[in-house]
């Protein structure tokens, strides 16, 4: 199902208790609604802030999100071993 014309995909930066950042997306009719949707999906105490970046139409289509849906897009990286010289 495509996003209705009155809704959009909003990028949201989440900050965890450990001060790590995550990238989330929300399908909502406004940026405020997108923030509220993400805040309901993340643990209490974490914060969510809007990003001004916009996704390209092809990226929005590929996400195939429904109104009210949120997703984390952050790439999970394995812990890196310290470099030795």
Protein backbone atom coordinates (compact mmCIF):
# COMPACT_ATOMS: atom_id res chain seq x y z
CA UNK A 1 0.00 0.00 0.00
CA UNK A 2 1.42 3.37 -0.98
CA UNK A 3 1.56 6.35 1.34
CA UNK A 4 -1.52 8.60 0.91
CA UNK A 5 -0.88 12.02 -0.61
CA UNK A 6 -1.48 13.73 2.76
CA UNK A 7 1.20 11.60 4.46
CA UNK A 8 4.95 11.45 4.04
CA UNK A 9 8.05 9.64 5.18
CA UNK A 10 10.02 11.52 7.82
CA UNK A 11 13.57 10.85 8.98
CA UNK A 12 14.12 10.95 12.74
CA UNK A 13 17.37 10.84 14.72
CA UNK A 14 17.10 8.88 17.96
CA UNK A 15 19.61 9.30 20.79
CA UNK A 16 19.92 6.38 23.21
CA UNK A 17 20.84 6.46 26.89
CA UNK A 18 24.41 5.64 25.81
CA UNK A 19 24.44 8.73 23.56
CA UNK A 20 24.50 6.59 20.43
CA UNK A 21 22.52 7.79 17.44
CA UNK A 22 20.08 5.77 15.39
CA UNK A 23 18.22 6.62 12.19
CA UNK A 24 14.48 5.91 12.14
CA UNK A 25 11.75 6.59 9.57
CA UNK A 26 8.07 7.18 10.19
CA UNK A 27 5.10 7.34 7.83
CA UNK A 28 2.99 10.21 9.12
CA UNK A 29 0.91 13.22 8.07
CA UNK A 30 3.24 15.66 9.84
CA UNK A 31 6.72 15.86 11.31
CA UNK A 32 5.22 16.17 14.82
CA UNK A 33 3.23 12.98 14.32
CA UNK A 34 6.37 11.22 13.06
CA UNK A 35 8.27 12.22 16.21
CA UNK A 36 5.42 11.00 18.42
CA UNK A 37 5.25 7.67 16.58
CA UNK A 38 8.97 7.12 17.07
CA UNK A 39 8.83 8.15 20.74
CA UNK A 40 6.17 5.49 21.31
CA UNK A 41 8.41 2.87 19.66
CA UNK A 42 11.64 3.56 21.55
CA UNK A 43 12.49 3.00 25.23
CA UNK A 44 11.57 5.67 27.76
CA UNK A 45 14.41 8.13 28.29
CA UNK A 46 15.62 8.05 24.70
CA UNK A 47 15.07 11.15 22.59
CA UNK A 48 13.87 11.72 19.04
CA UNK A 49 14.57 14.73 16.84
CA UNK A 50 13.51 15.50 13.27
CA UNK A 51 16.04 15.53 10.45
CA UNK A 52 15.72 17.92 7.52
CA UNK A 53 17.05 15.34 5.04
CA UNK A 54 14.54 14.04 2.51
CA UNK A 55 14.36 10.61 0.92
CA UNK A 56 14.22 10.26 -2.85
CA UNK A 57 10.93 9.01 -4.34
CA UNK A 58 12.55 5.66 -5.22
CA UNK A 59 13.73 5.24 -1.62
CA UNK A 60 10.24 6.00 -0.30
CA UNK A 61 8.74 3.49 -2.72
CA UNK A 62 11.27 0.82 -1.69
CA UNK A 63 10.33 1.22 1.99
CA UNK A 64 6.67 0.43 1.18
CA UNK A 65 5.48 1.86 4.51
CA UNK A 66 1.91 2.19 5.70
CA UNK A 67 0.63 5.27 7.58
CA UNK A 68 1.55 5.07 11.26
CA UNK A 69 4.45 2.66 10.67
CA UNK A 70 7.95 3.28 12.08
CA UNK A 71 11.23 1.50 11.39
CA UNK A 72 14.81 1.73 12.53
CA UNK A 73 17.20 2.04 9.60
CA UNK A 74 20.43 2.05 11.58
CA UNK A 75 23.04 -0.37 10.34
CA UNK A 76 24.20 -2.64 13.15
CA UNK A 77 27.97 -2.82 13.02
CA UNK A 78 30.03 -5.41 14.88
CA UNK A 79 32.32 -4.06 17.57
CA UNK A 80 35.71 -3.31 16.13
CA UNK A 81 38.91 -4.51 17.72
CA UNK A 82 41.37 -1.75 18.57
CA UNK A 83 44.03 -1.11 15.94
CA UNK A 84 47.58 -2.09 16.70
CA UNK A 85 50.50 -0.40 15.02
